[in-house]
Amino acid sequence: MRAEIIAVGTELLLGQIVNTNAQYLSRGLAELGIDVYYQTVVGDNKERLIQAIDIARERADLLVFTGGLGPTLDDLTRDALAEYLGRGIELHEPSMAKIVSMFSARGGSFVESNRKQALLVEGATPLRNDTGLAVGNALNVDGTCYLLLPGPPREMKPMFDNDASAWLKEQLGPAKTLHSAMLKFAGIGESGLEDLLIDLIREQQDPTIAPYAKEGEVAIRVSTKAADAEEAARKLAGTLTEIRGRTSSYLFAEEDVPIEATIVRTLTEQQRTLTLAESCTGGMVSELITTIPGSAVVFLGGIVTYSNGMKMKQLGVPAELLEGPGAPGAISAETAVAMAEGMRASADSDFALSITGNAGPAAAEDKPVGLVYIGLAERGRETRVEQLQLSGDREGIRLRAAKRSLYLLWQSLTGRC
């Protein structure tokens, strides 16, 4: 089944609200094995909405509407679809009783315009609204399915998850559903990862391979349609094995979790501890780590040392590294090493990460924006240091540096360095 999502509301076109409903519906429809090929946004105008319906009808078997079911004059979705289909409008008595009861319970007088929220396109199946008043509509007309869902996410999501999904499953019958495996990578960019897998991506049929990138991490979703999980596992196995074999240096998880979650889990399993000494990232690595439940067991703490004085006082970085003729300076490999070793020694942790660099916007110590050094001190091993030359704005540089430091730690924890 091919689907198109039609979000209705002028406020969406004006950028006053973000269309999070489309993201939620696309994911939910994919889990049902329904392919979303198009997403459309149309304002509160009946003629343009009818045009959008006519276009979508030519290219989709399922039209999913969000918004335009409320009580005001600009709530036109139900009327537009009824006019397009040549059908009437009928009152859903249970929904009407719910609306009247609500007004009575609040001690207010019934507002006649609210009757609109209890209306159905003639012949539609009502979809209950557990968190609001507007009844949803579901109907199949000549093989094309239509779903009318409310716009507020707190109403739309439970309606879709419950009555709407159940209705769609009835329409689909014993159709196969989408099953996916998620692989997460760090230490490599989207283009680099694609290069490792280019032949698999070019030749893909079933399963399909889809990469997704964000700052400091890349994900690949490998998907197939199958009747059940057992069949899906068989179909996915060969592709997953091939990807694992080519990407073991970067593959940190086979679930949709960030690298910091893998770090916390691995440290916990190994009963080892971590401390942090940050300069240009300003505590960002500490924040990433502490968002993970259970991090308190393995993360002893961290220090943000921006000034040279703090580096010397809190971490014991020698003054001759930071200041004076011929000194490497705060932005240097030597200082990154000293910061990591000073942090690990003072806290007696198993690992200590340090980050020092220039996140911009201007050069510092005659060193370019984006120059970053990461130190990794580990109990019983020589301290590692890595130099990066990152691009982008200040926040992008800070985040990529933070994620890269976690990748270096993951390498050590898993013996990949």
Protein backbone atom coordinates (compact mmCIF):
# COMPACT_ATOMS: atom_id res chain seq x y z
CA MET A 1 0.00 0.00 0.00
CA ARG A 2 1.28 3.47 -0.95
CA ALA A 3 0.48 6.33 1.40
CA GLU A 4 0.48 10.12 1.29
CA ILE A 5 0.30 12.24 4.43
CA ILE A 6 -1.63 15.50 4.05
CA ALA A 7 -1.10 17.93 6.92
CA VAL A 8 -3.75 20.64 6.99
CA GLY A 9 -3.19 24.04 8.57
CA THR A 10 -2.04 27.48 7.51
CA GLU A 11 0.03 27.68 10.69
CA LEU A 12 2.25 24.91 9.28
CA LEU A 13 2.88 26.87 6.09
CA LEU A 14 3.74 29.99 8.09
CA GLY A 15 6.25 28.07 10.22
CA GLN A 16 4.34 28.83 13.41
CA ILE A 17 4.40 25.15 14.41
CA VAL A 18 6.57 22.20 13.38
CA ASN A 19 4.94 19.24 11.63
CA THR A 20 5.98 16.50 14.04
CA ASN A 21 2.87 14.49 13.12
CA ALA A 22 4.35 13.56 9.73
CA GLN A 23 7.45 12.07 11.34
CA TYR A 24 5.37 10.05 13.80
CA LEU A 25 2.97 8.80 11.13
CA SER A 26 5.74 7.90 8.69
CA ARG A 27 7.37 5.70 11.30
CA GLY A 28 4.09 4.11 12.33
CA LEU A 29 2.97 3.43 8.77
CA ALA A 30 6.35 1.91 7.92
CA GLU A 31 5.96 -0.51 10.84
CA LEU A 32 2.67 -1.61 9.30
CA GLY A 33 4.42 -2.24 5.98
CA ILE A 34 2.90 0.83 4.32
CA ASP A 35 5.22 2.89 2.12
CA VAL A 36 4.96 6.67 2.50
CA TYR A 37 5.92 8.20 -0.84
CA TYR A 38 4.74 11.79 -0.37
CA GLN A 39 4.03 14.34 2.36
CA THR A 40 1.92 17.40 1.56
CA VAL A 41 1.12 20.50 3.60
CA VAL A 42 -1.92 22.58 2.60
CA GLY A 43 -3.48 25.63 4.22
CA ASP A 44 -6.99 26.11 5.54
CA ASN A 45 -8.61 26.58 2.15
CA LYS A 46 -11.24 24.15 0.85
CA GLU A 47 -10.45 24.56 -2.85
CA ARG A 48 -6.72 23.98 -2.37
CA LEU A 49 -7.41 21.06 -0.05
CA ILE A 50 -9.64 19.42 -2.66
CA GLN A 51 -6.86 19.93 -5.22
CA ALA A 52 -4.41 18.25 -2.86
CA ILE A 53 -6.79 15.31 -2.41
CA ASP A 54 -7.19 14.94 -6.17
CA ILE A 55 -3.41 14.89 -6.71
CA ALA A 56 -2.80 12.45 -3.85
CA ARG A 57 -5.57 10.15 -5.06
CA GLU A 58 -3.67 9.60 -8.32
CA ARG A 59 -0.48 8.43 -6.60
CA ALA A 60 -1.51 6.81 -3.31
CA ASP A 61 -3.82 4.07 -2.02
CA LEU A 62 -4.00 5.63 1.45
CA LEU A 63 -4.49 9.32 2.25
CA VAL A 64 -3.79 10.23 5.88
CA PHE A 65 -4.97 13.70 6.95
CA THR A 66 -3.97 15.48 10.14
CA GLY A 67 -5.68 18.67 11.28
CA GLY A 68 -8.83 20.50 10.30
CA LEU A 69 -11.29 18.52 12.45
CA GLY A 70 -11.88 21.17 15.10
CA PRO A 71 -14.88 23.42 15.80
CA THR A 72 -13.87 26.61 14.01
CA LEU A 73 -14.67 27.92 10.52
CA ASP A 74 -11.18 27.13 9.21
CA ASP A 75 -11.48 23.43 10.16
CA LEU A 76 -12.35 22.16 6.69
CA THR A 77 -10.82 18.72 6.21
CA ARG A 78 -13.99 16.70 6.73
CA ASP A 79 -16.09 18.95 4.51
CA ALA A 80 -13.48 19.00 1.74
CA LEU A 81 -13.22 15.22 1.61
CA ALA A 82 -16.98 14.76 1.71
CA GLU A 83 -17.37 17.20 -1.19
CA TYR A 84 -14.61 15.48 -3.17
CA LEU A 85 -16.22 12.05 -2.66
CA GLY A 86 -19.75 13.33 -3.27
CA ARG A 87 -20.88 12.19 0.16
CA GLY A 88 -22.89 13.78 2.93
CA ILE A 89 -22.03 14.48 6.56
CA GLU A 90 -23.59 12.60 9.47
CA LEU A 91 -23.59 13.04 13.23
CA HIS A 92 -21.84 10.48 15.42
CA GLU A 93 -24.13 10.40 18.44
CA PRO A 94 -21.64 8.94 21.00
CA SER A 95 -19.13 11.68 20.19
CA MET A 96 -21.86 14.30 20.48
CA ALA A 97 -22.87 12.94 23.88
CA LYS A 98 -19.22 13.12 25.00
CA ILE A 99 -18.99 16.78 23.99
CA VAL A 100 -22.23 17.72 25.74
CA SER A 101 -21.13 15.85 28.86
CA MET A 102 -17.84 17.69 28.93
CA PHE A 103 -19.51 21.10 28.79
CA SER A 104 -21.93 20.05 31.50
CA ALA A 105 -19.15 18.80 33.78
CA ARG A 106 -17.33 22.11 33.40
CA GLY A 107 -20.46 24.07 34.21
CA GLY A 108 -20.39 25.91 30.90
CA SER A 109 -23.03 26.37 28.23
CA PHE A 110 -22.76 24.29 25.07
CA VAL A 111 -21.24 26.14 22.11
CA GLU A 112 -23.02 25.08 18.93
CA SER A 113 -19.87 25.16 16.81
CA ASN A 114 -18.51 22.21 18.79
CA ARG A 115 -21.08 19.99 17.05
CA LYS A 116 -18.62 19.93 14.13
CA GLN A 117 -16.24 17.76 16.16
CA ALA A 118 -18.84 14.96 16.29
CA LEU A 119 -19.38 14.79 12.53
CA LEU A 120 -18.37 12.01 10.15
CA VAL A 121 -18.09 11.76 6.41
CA GLU A 122 -21.06 9.62 5.40
CA GLY A 123 -20.19 5.93 5.76
CA ALA A 124 -16.99 6.50 7.74
CA THR A 125 -15.88 4.35 10.65
CA PRO A 126 -15.47 6.53 13.77
CA LEU A 127 -12.07 6.58 15.49
CA ARG A 128 -12.28 7.35 19.17
CA ASN A 129 -10.43 10.32 20.61
CA ASP A 130 -9.30 9.49 24.15
CA THR A 131 -7.56 12.82 24.76
CA GLY A 132 -9.76 15.32 22.91
CA LEU A 133 -13.17 15.84 21.32
CA ALA A 134 -12.84 15.57 17.53
CA VAL A 135 -13.83 12.12 16.29
CA GLY A 136 -11.56 10.58 13.67
CA ASN A 137 -12.79 9.19 10.35
CA ALA A 138 -11.73 6.06 8.46
CA LEU A 139 -13.25 4.97 5.17
CA ASN A 140 -12.46 2.89 2.12
CA VAL A 141 -13.97 4.18 -1.11
CA ASP A 142 -13.40 2.14 -4.27
CA GLY A 143 -10.12 0.73 -2.96
CA THR A 144 -8.68 4.03 -1.71
CA CYS A 145 -8.41 4.42 2.06
CA TYR A 146 -8.83 7.72 3.87
CA LEU A 147 -7.86 8.47 7.48
CA LEU A 148 -8.85 11.76 9.10
CA LEU A 149 -6.92 12.41 12.31
CA PRO A 150 -6.85 15.48 14.60
CA GLY A 151 -3.95 17.92 14.40
CA PRO A 152 -2.80 18.19 18.05
CA PRO A 153 -0.15 15.47 18.56
CA ARG A 154 -1.52 14.51 21.97
CA GLU A 155 -4.78 13.56 20.22
CA MET A 156 -3.38 12.28 16.94
CA LYS A 157 -0.81 9.84 18.34
CA PRO A 158 -3.12 7.71 20.54
CA MET A 159 -5.83 7.72 17.86
CA PHE A 160 -3.38 6.44 15.27
CA ASP A 161 -1.81 3.88 17.61
CA ASN A 162 -5.17 2.44 18.61
CA ASP A 163 -8.25 2.61 16.35
CA ALA A 164 -6.55 3.85 13.18
CA SER A 165 -3.81 1.20 13.17
CA ALA A 166 -6.34 -1.53 13.91
CA TRP A 167 -8.52 -0.33 11.01
CA LEU A 168 -5.52 -0.24 8.67
CA LYS A 169 -4.56 -3.80 9.59
CA GLU A 170 -8.07 -4.91 8.63
CA GLN A 171 -7.67 -3.22 5.24
CA LEU A 172 -4.25 -4.76 4.69
CA GLY A 173 -5.25 -8.29 5.62
CA PRO A 174 -2.34 -10.76 5.93
CA ALA A 175 0.14 -8.39 4.26
CA LYS A 176 3.77 -8.51 5.30
CA THR A 177 5.05 -5.79 7.62
CA LEU A 178 8.34 -3.92 7.72
CA HIS A 179 11.13 -5.27 9.91
CA SER A 180 14.35 -3.32 10.43
CA ALA A 181 17.74 -3.59 12.08
CA MET A 182 19.56 -0.43 13.12
CA LEU A 183 23.36 -0.24 13.11
CA LYS A 184 25.20 2.73 14.68
CA PHE A 185 28.68 3.93 13.76
CA ALA A 186 31.18 6.49 15.05
CA GLY A 187 34.62 7.60 13.93
CA ILE A 188 33.56 7.68 10.28
CA GLY A 189 31.43 10.05 8.22
CA GLU A 190 28.43 9.21 6.08
CA SER A 191 30.40 9.33 2.83
CA GLY A 192 33.21 7.18 4.24
CA LEU A 193 30.75 4.58 5.45
CA GLU A 194 28.94 4.60 2.13
CA ASP A 195 32.25 3.99 0.38
CA LEU A 196 32.80 0.84 2.45
CA LEU A 197 29.34 -0.43 1.51
CA ILE A 198 28.90 1.10 -1.95
CA ASP A 199 28.40 -2.19 -3.82
CA LEU A 200 25.79 -3.37 -1.31
CA ILE A 201 23.94 -0.06 -1.58
CA ARG A 202 24.02 0.01 -5.38
CA GLU A 203 22.85 -3.58 -5.73
CA GLN A 204 20.26 -3.52 -2.94
CA GLN A 205 16.82 -4.95 -3.58
CA ASP A 206 15.63 -6.81 -0.52
CA PRO A 207 16.82 -6.07 2.14
CA THR A 208 17.19 -2.31 1.63
CA ILE A 209 19.99 -0.23 3.15
CA ALA A 210 19.37 3.37 4.20
CA PRO A 211 22.05 5.59 5.84
CA TYR A 212 21.23 8.44 8.24
CA ALA A 213 23.77 10.95 9.54
CA LYS A 214 23.92 13.42 12.37
CA GLU A 215 26.76 15.20 14.13
CA GLY A 216 29.44 12.69 15.15
CA GLU A 217 27.45 9.53 14.36
CA VAL A 218 26.03 7.64 11.40
CA ALA A 219 23.22 5.08 11.37
CA ILE A 220 22.22 2.46 8.83
CA ARG A 221 18.76 0.94 8.77
CA VAL A 222 18.55 -2.45 7.05
CA SER A 223 14.92 -3.33 6.28
CA THR A 224 12.79 -6.06 4.77
CA LYS A 225 9.12 -6.95 4.63
CA ALA A 226 8.21 -10.28 6.19
CA ALA A 227 5.28 -12.11 7.71
CA ASP A 228 7.00 -12.46 11.10
CA ALA A 229 10.23 -11.77 12.97
CA GLU A 230 11.66 -15.21 12.19
CA GLU A 231 11.30 -14.74 8.45
CA ALA A 232 12.73 -11.22 8.73
CA ALA A 233 15.78 -12.46 10.64
CA ARG A 234 16.52 -14.98 7.90
CA LYS A 235 16.22 -12.35 5.18
CA LEU A 236 18.37 -9.79 7.02
CA ALA A 237 21.10 -12.15 8.21
CA GLY A 238 23.35 -12.18 5.15
CA THR A 239 23.37 -8.41 4.65
CA LEU A 240 23.98 -7.73 8.35
CA THR A 241 26.89 -10.19 8.45
CA GLU A 242 28.50 -8.52 5.43
CA ILE A 243 28.12 -5.04 6.92
CA ARG A 244 29.55 -6.14 10.27
CA GLY A 245 32.58 -7.64 8.59
CA ARG A 246 33.41 -4.43 6.74
CA THR A 247 32.72 -1.94 9.53
CA SER A 248 33.87 -3.53 12.79
CA SER A 249 36.23 -0.62 13.51
CA TYR A 250 33.28 1.78 13.66
CA LEU A 251 30.19 -0.27 14.57
CA PHE A 252 29.45 0.53 18.20
CA ALA A 253 25.82 -0.65 18.53
CA GLU A 254 23.13 -2.67 16.82
CA GLU A 255 20.29 -0.64 18.26
CA ASP A 256 19.30 3.00 18.06
CA VAL A 257 21.39 4.36 20.94
CA PRO A 258 24.07 7.09 21.02
CA ILE A 259 27.70 6.18 21.58
CA GLU A 260 27.58 7.56 25.12
CA ALA A 261 25.05 4.86 26.02
CA THR A 262 27.42 2.19 24.71
CA ILE A 263 30.27 3.78 26.68
CA VAL A 264 28.33 3.71 29.95
CA ARG A 265 27.19 0.12 29.39
CA THR A 266 30.69 -1.09 28.52
CA LEU A 267 32.35 0.70 31.44
CA THR A 268 29.74 -0.84 33.74
CA GLU A 269 30.30 -4.33 32.36
CA GLN A 270 34.07 -3.96 32.76
CA GLN A 271 33.73 -2.30 36.20
CA ARG A 272 35.93 0.60 35.15
CA THR A 273 35.65 4.34 35.75
CA LEU A 274 35.93 7.55 33.75
CA THR A 275 36.81 11.18 34.45
CA LEU A 276 36.89 14.17 32.10
CA ALA A 277 38.97 17.33 31.67
CA GLU A 278 37.37 19.67 29.14
CA SER A 279 38.34 23.04 27.77
CA CYS A 280 36.77 24.05 24.45
CA THR A 281 33.82 21.65 24.82
CA GLY A 282 32.84 23.33 28.09
CA GLY A 283 31.43 20.24 29.79
CA MET A 284 29.63 18.85 26.75
CA VAL A 285 31.13 15.37 27.12
CA SER A 286 30.08 15.33 30.77
CA GLU A 287 26.56 16.28 29.73
CA LEU A 288 26.40 13.52 27.11
CA ILE A 289 27.57 10.91 29.61
CA THR A 290 25.28 11.99 32.43
CA THR A 291 22.14 11.88 30.27
CA ILE A 292 22.52 8.07 30.34
CA PRO A 293 20.80 6.30 33.26
CA GLY A 294 23.32 4.47 35.43
CA SER A 295 26.23 6.73 34.50
CA ALA A 296 26.82 7.60 38.16
CA VAL A 297 28.24 4.11 38.69
CA VAL A 298 31.12 4.66 36.27
CA PHE A 299 31.51 8.44 35.85
CA LEU A 300 33.43 9.93 38.76
CA GLY A 301 33.25 13.52 37.55
CA GLY A 302 34.83 16.13 35.34
CA ILE A 303 36.48 19.55 35.34
CA VAL A 304 36.05 22.39 32.85
CA THR A 305 39.32 24.36 32.73
CA TYR A 306 39.16 27.24 30.28
CA SER A 307 41.95 29.43 31.60
CA ASN A 308 45.63 28.50 31.80
CA GLY A 309 45.53 29.18 35.51
CA MET A 310 42.80 26.61 36.04
CA LYS A 311 44.66 24.07 33.94
CA MET A 312 47.71 24.51 36.13
CA LYS A 313 45.85 24.64 39.46
CA GLN A 314 43.23 21.94 38.93
CA LEU A 315 45.03 19.53 36.60
CA GLY A 316 48.69 20.17 37.33
CA VAL A 317 49.54 21.16 33.75
CA PRO A 318 53.12 22.56 33.85
CA ALA A 319 53.35 26.29 33.28
CA GLU A 320 56.11 25.81 30.71
CA LEU A 321 53.64 24.00 28.45
CA LEU A 322 51.17 26.86 28.54
CA GLU A 323 53.12 30.10 28.65
CA GLY A 324 56.43 31.65 27.66
CA PRO A 325 58.70 31.57 24.61
CA GLY A 326 58.55 28.28 22.75
CA ALA A 327 55.66 26.93 24.87
CA PRO A 328 53.33 24.59 22.92
CA GLY A 329 50.38 26.48 24.39
CA ALA A 330 46.99 25.45 25.70
CA ILE A 331 45.96 24.20 22.26
CA SER A 332 48.55 21.46 21.83
CA ALA A 333 49.10 17.74 22.03
CA GLU A 334 51.36 18.20 25.04
CA THR A 335 48.69 20.04 27.00
CA ALA A 336 46.02 17.48 26.08
CA VAL A 337 48.27 14.73 27.44
CA ALA A 338 49.01 16.65 30.63
CA MET A 339 45.33 17.40 31.19
CA ALA A 340 44.30 13.76 30.78
CA GLU A 341 47.10 12.42 32.96
CA GLY A 342 46.53 15.04 35.65
CA MET A 343 42.79 14.27 35.74
CA ARG A 344 43.27 10.51 35.89
CA ALA A 345 45.92 10.72 38.61
CA SER A 346 43.96 13.09 40.85
CA ALA A 347 40.75 11.01 40.63
CA ASP A 348 42.44 7.59 40.41
CA SER A 349 40.09 6.66 37.57
CA ASP A 350 40.67 3.95 34.99
CA PHE A 351 40.26 6.40 32.10
CA ALA A 352 40.47 10.15 31.68
CA LEU A 353 39.57 12.05 28.52
CA SER A 354 40.79 15.57 27.85
CA ILE A 355 39.82 18.02 25.12
CA THR A 356 41.53 21.29 24.33
CA GLY A 357 41.20 23.35 21.18
CA ASN A 358 39.79 26.34 19.38
CA ALA A 359 36.05 26.14 18.62
CA GLY A 360 36.00 29.65 17.17
CA PRO A 361 34.89 32.04 15.99
CA ALA A 362 38.41 33.56 15.81
CA ALA A 363 41.95 32.20 15.84
CA ALA A 364 43.57 31.70 19.26
CA GLU A 365 47.29 31.33 20.04
CA ASP A 366 47.78 31.85 16.29
CA LYS A 367 46.05 28.50 15.78
CA PRO A 368 43.14 28.03 13.42
CA VAL A 369 39.50 27.59 14.28
CA GLY A 370 38.66 23.90 14.49
CA LEU A 371 42.07 22.72 15.72
CA VAL A 372 41.37 20.31 18.59
CA TYR A 373 43.48 17.86 20.58
CA ILE A 374 42.02 14.92 22.49
CA GLY A 375 43.95 13.06 25.16
CA LEU A 376 43.09 9.64 26.55
CA ALA A 377 44.88 8.46 29.68
CA GLU A 378 44.32 4.83 30.67
CA ARG A 379 45.56 3.06 33.78
CA GLY A 380 48.63 0.99 32.90
CA ARG A 381 48.95 2.24 29.30
CA GLU A 382 50.67 5.08 27.50
CA THR A 383 48.48 8.13 26.99
CA ARG A 384 47.07 8.55 23.50
CA VAL A 385 46.56 11.90 21.81
CA GLU A 386 44.76 12.75 18.59
CA GLN A 387 44.80 15.95 16.58
CA LEU A 388 41.67 17.05 14.70
CA GLN A 389 41.04 19.84 12.24
CA LEU A 390 37.28 20.29 12.33
CA SER A 391 35.10 22.56 10.24
CA GLY A 392 31.76 24.23 10.86
CA ASP A 393 30.39 26.64 13.42
CA ARG A 394 31.28 26.75 17.10
CA GLU A 395 28.57 24.37 18.28
CA GLY A 396 29.27 21.90 15.48
CA ILE A 397 33.00 21.83 16.31
CA ARG A 398 32.31 21.31 20.00
CA LEU A 399 29.86 18.47 19.38
CA ARG A 400 32.05 16.67 16.85
CA ALA A 401 35.03 16.94 19.21
CA ALA A 402 32.94 15.55 22.07
CA LYS A 403 31.68 12.62 20.01
CA ARG A 404 35.18 11.89 18.67
CA SER A 405 36.55 11.69 22.20
CA LEU A 406 33.93 9.09 23.06
CA TYR A 407 34.87 7.13 19.94
CA LEU A 408 38.52 7.04 21.07
CA LEU A 409 37.40 5.78 24.47
CA TRP A 410 35.20 3.13 22.83
CA GLN A 411 38.20 1.96 20.79
CA SER A 412 40.22 1.42 23.95
CA LEU A 413 37.39 -0.26 25.81
CA THR A 414 36.82 -2.73 22.98
CA GLY A 415 40.47 -3.31 21.98
CA ARG A 416 40.10 -1.72 18.56
CA CYS A 417 43.08 0.61 18.86
